Amino acid sequence: MEHEKEFTGPEAMLYSHKIIQLSKALWKTVEKDWQNWIKPFDLNINEHHILWIAHALGGASISEIAKYGVMHVSTAFNFSKKLEDRGLLTFSKKETDKRNTYVQLTPEGESLLLETIHAFDPEGNGVFHASLPLQELYGKFPDLTDMTAIVRRLYGDNFMDIFAETSKMITEEAGRRPDEDELSQEA
């Protein structure tokens, strides 16, 4: 059932304008923060996102990478190919599905992804610092409920499930530091 129109054209345009301007401004800082975070690992944002999605899904088709990474299929394929060339992903076809190309993290890819998570430094993150006054005022960081609801309506429950899975991974891994035995095994 369609919603009855309970807004005026100018109200709709003003709302859209605010979303556009705020999203663009926020993305500019998010992009800079993300690039600075992963630069030491010789990764770009698309590559890092692909590693994350492939991990969250336990392997993924290029179509899934594109869908959940909010990128064009050719972008997902080309950056996945670069990750394969570096030995971080493997490509395969399934016996039951020869049409789709699937990627899987290699142990090196898994290790690099976890290394990036452990290397996150809140001191170098502009969005995090801009959120600190809200955390101090309310005792928690913004929960982004409204934004999450909008994204769910735009991209669906499956998208949000992957979002939850990557968030779970951060919760589990970020506080965990490799111990001495793990570091010596990796060397």
Protein backbone atom coordinates (compact mmCIF):
# COMPACT_ATOMS: atom_id res chain seq x y z
CA MET A 1 0.00 0.00 0.00
CA GLU A 2 1.37 3.42 -0.98
CA HIS A 3 1.73 6.07 1.68
CA GLU A 4 -0.68 8.93 1.42
CA LYS A 5 1.07 12.14 0.53
CA GLU A 6 1.61 13.92 3.83
CA PHE A 7 4.26 16.33 2.64
CA THR A 8 4.64 19.18 0.21
CA GLY A 9 6.98 19.32 -2.76
CA PRO A 10 9.22 21.88 -1.06
CA GLU A 11 9.37 19.71 2.11
CA ALA A 12 10.41 16.70 0.03
CA MET A 13 13.02 18.71 -1.83
CA LEU A 14 14.41 20.22 1.40
CA TYR A 15 14.66 16.76 2.97
CA SER A 16 16.41 15.38 -0.13
CA HIS A 17 18.75 18.38 -0.20
CA LYS A 18 19.74 17.82 3.43
CA ILE A 19 20.40 14.12 2.82
CA ILE A 20 22.47 14.92 -0.28
CA GLN A 21 24.59 17.60 1.38
CA LEU A 22 25.11 15.78 4.68
CA SER A 23 25.87 12.45 2.98
CA LYS A 24 28.39 14.02 0.63
CA ALA A 25 30.14 15.87 3.46
CA LEU A 26 30.20 12.80 5.68
CA TRP A 27 31.42 10.53 2.84
CA LYS A 28 34.33 12.89 2.11
CA THR A 29 35.64 12.39 5.64
CA VAL A 30 34.76 8.68 5.78
CA GLU A 31 36.63 8.11 2.51
CA LYS A 32 39.72 9.97 3.77
CA ASP A 33 39.61 8.11 7.11
CA TRP A 34 39.24 4.73 5.40
CA GLN A 35 42.02 5.40 2.87
CA ASN A 36 44.41 6.51 5.60
CA TRP A 37 43.59 3.44 7.71
CA ILE A 38 44.33 0.89 4.98
CA LYS A 39 47.11 2.72 3.12
CA PRO A 40 49.91 0.88 4.99
CA PHE A 41 48.46 -2.42 3.68
CA ASP A 42 48.60 -1.32 0.03
CA LEU A 43 44.82 -1.65 -0.26
CA ASN A 44 42.22 0.72 -1.61
CA ILE A 45 38.68 1.07 -0.27
CA ASN A 46 37.11 -1.29 -2.82
CA GLU A 47 39.73 -3.98 -2.18
CA HIS A 48 39.32 -3.73 1.58
CA HIS A 49 35.55 -3.87 1.25
CA ILE A 50 35.79 -6.95 -0.98
CA LEU A 51 37.97 -8.73 1.59
CA TRP A 52 35.44 -7.86 4.29
CA ILE A 53 32.44 -9.08 2.32
CA ALA A 54 34.16 -12.29 1.22
CA HIS A 55 35.01 -12.97 4.85
CA ALA A 56 31.49 -12.19 6.10
CA LEU A 57 29.92 -14.49 3.52
CA GLY A 58 32.53 -17.23 3.80
CA GLY A 59 33.19 -16.67 0.09
CA ALA A 60 30.98 -14.76 -2.31
CA SER A 61 29.98 -14.44 -5.92
CA ILE A 62 31.10 -11.35 -7.80
CA SER A 63 27.41 -10.37 -7.95
CA GLU A 64 27.16 -10.55 -4.16
CA ILE A 65 30.36 -8.52 -3.78
CA ALA A 66 28.88 -5.86 -6.07
CA LYS A 67 25.51 -5.88 -4.30
CA TYR A 68 26.79 -5.75 -0.73
CA GLY A 69 29.75 -3.54 -1.59
CA VAL A 70 27.45 -1.09 -3.37
CA MET A 71 29.66 -1.14 -6.46
CA HIS A 72 29.30 -2.00 -10.13
CA VAL A 73 29.88 -5.65 -11.07
CA SER A 74 32.88 -4.68 -13.23
CA THR A 75 34.39 -2.82 -10.27
CA ALA A 76 33.89 -5.85 -8.03
CA PHE A 77 35.44 -8.15 -10.63
CA ASN A 78 38.42 -5.91 -11.46
CA PHE A 79 39.40 -5.25 -7.86
CA SER A 80 38.85 -8.90 -6.94
CA LYS A 81 41.22 -9.82 -9.79
CA LYS A 82 43.86 -7.50 -8.31
CA LEU A 83 43.42 -9.19 -4.94
CA GLU A 84 43.79 -12.58 -6.63
CA ASP A 85 47.02 -11.40 -8.27
CA ARG A 86 48.31 -10.54 -4.78
CA GLY A 87 47.36 -13.99 -3.48
CA LEU A 88 44.62 -12.66 -1.19
CA LEU A 89 41.63 -14.20 -3.01
CA THR A 90 40.99 -17.23 -5.17
CA PHE A 91 38.49 -17.40 -8.02
CA SER A 92 36.36 -20.45 -8.72
CA LYS A 93 33.22 -21.74 -10.39
CA LYS A 94 30.79 -24.09 -8.70
CA GLU A 95 29.92 -27.39 -10.33
CA THR A 96 26.25 -26.52 -9.95
CA ASP A 97 26.66 -22.92 -11.15
CA LYS A 98 29.09 -22.30 -13.98
CA ARG A 99 27.61 -18.87 -14.76
CA ASN A 100 28.83 -17.08 -11.63
CA THR A 101 32.37 -16.46 -10.50
CA TYR A 102 33.05 -16.93 -6.80
CA VAL A 103 35.85 -15.58 -4.65
CA GLN A 104 37.24 -16.98 -1.43
CA LEU A 105 39.78 -15.44 0.93
CA THR A 106 43.12 -17.19 1.01
CA PRO A 107 44.82 -17.60 4.39
CA GLU A 108 46.96 -14.59 3.42
CA GLY A 109 43.82 -12.58 2.64
CA GLU A 110 42.23 -13.57 5.94
CA SER A 111 45.40 -12.64 7.80
CA LEU A 112 45.67 -9.27 6.06
CA LEU A 113 42.03 -8.44 6.78
CA LEU A 114 42.47 -9.24 10.46
CA GLU A 115 45.70 -7.23 10.49
CA THR A 116 43.83 -4.17 9.17
CA ILE A 117 41.25 -4.52 11.91
CA HIS A 118 43.91 -4.69 14.60
CA ALA A 119 45.67 -1.66 13.09
CA PHE A 120 42.63 0.62 13.32
CA ASP A 121 43.59 3.76 15.21
CA PRO A 122 40.72 5.93 16.45
CA GLU A 123 43.14 8.85 16.84
CA GLY A 124 43.43 9.09 13.05
CA ASN A 125 39.69 8.92 12.40
CA GLY A 126 37.87 12.22 11.80
CA VAL A 127 34.35 10.81 12.01
CA PHE A 128 35.15 9.09 15.30
CA HIS A 129 36.54 12.33 16.75
CA ALA A 130 33.54 14.32 15.53
CA SER A 131 31.29 11.80 17.33
CA LEU A 132 33.10 12.02 20.68
CA PRO A 133 31.10 15.01 22.00
CA LEU A 134 27.88 13.04 21.45
CA GLN A 135 29.40 10.01 23.19
CA GLU A 136 30.42 12.20 26.11
CA LEU A 137 27.01 13.88 26.28
CA TYR A 138 24.86 10.74 25.98
CA GLY A 139 27.26 8.10 27.27
CA LYS A 140 27.22 6.22 23.97
CA PHE A 141 27.93 6.75 20.30
CA PRO A 142 25.02 7.55 17.99
CA ASP A 143 23.20 4.33 17.12
CA LEU A 144 22.22 5.57 13.62
CA THR A 145 18.77 4.00 13.84
CA ASP A 146 17.17 6.33 11.31
CA MET A 147 19.99 5.90 8.81
CA THR A 148 19.89 2.13 9.26
CA ALA A 149 16.14 2.10 8.63
CA ILE A 150 16.56 4.12 5.42
CA VAL A 151 19.34 1.85 4.15
CA ARG A 152 17.26 -1.24 4.98
CA ARG A 153 14.40 0.15 2.86
CA LEU A 154 16.79 0.92 0.00
CA TYR A 155 18.89 -2.27 0.00
CA GLY A 156 16.86 -4.83 1.91
CA ASP A 157 17.26 -7.24 4.79
CA ASN A 158 20.06 -9.28 3.18
CA PHE A 159 22.19 -6.16 2.89
CA MET A 160 21.62 -5.40 6.55
CA ASP A 161 22.44 -9.02 7.48
CA ILE A 162 25.86 -8.62 5.86
CA PHE A 163 26.26 -5.29 7.64
CA ALA A 164 25.49 -7.06 10.92
CA GLU A 165 27.94 -9.87 10.10
CA THR A 166 30.82 -7.46 9.39
CA SER A 167 29.92 -5.53 12.56
CA LYS A 168 30.02 -8.79 14.52
CA MET A 169 33.45 -9.56 13.09
CA ILE A 170 34.74 -6.20 14.28
CA THR A 171 33.29 -6.75 17.73
CA GLU A 172 34.93 -10.17 17.96
CA GLU A 173 38.29 -9.30 16.40
CA ALA A 174 39.02 -5.68 17.26
CA GLY A 175 39.53 -6.31 20.96
CA ARG A 176 41.55 -9.45 20.32
CA ARG A 177 45.26 -9.00 19.72
CA PRO A 178 47.32 -11.86 18.32
CA ASP A 179 49.36 -13.44 21.09
CA GLU A 180 53.06 -14.25 20.85
CA ASP A 181 52.45 -17.83 19.64
CA GLU A 182 50.22 -16.66 16.77
CA LEU A 183 52.76 -14.02 15.72
CA SER A 184 55.61 -16.56 15.71
CA GLN A 185 53.49 -18.99 13.64
CA GLU A 186 52.80 -16.29 11.05
CA ALA A 187 56.50 -15.44 10.69
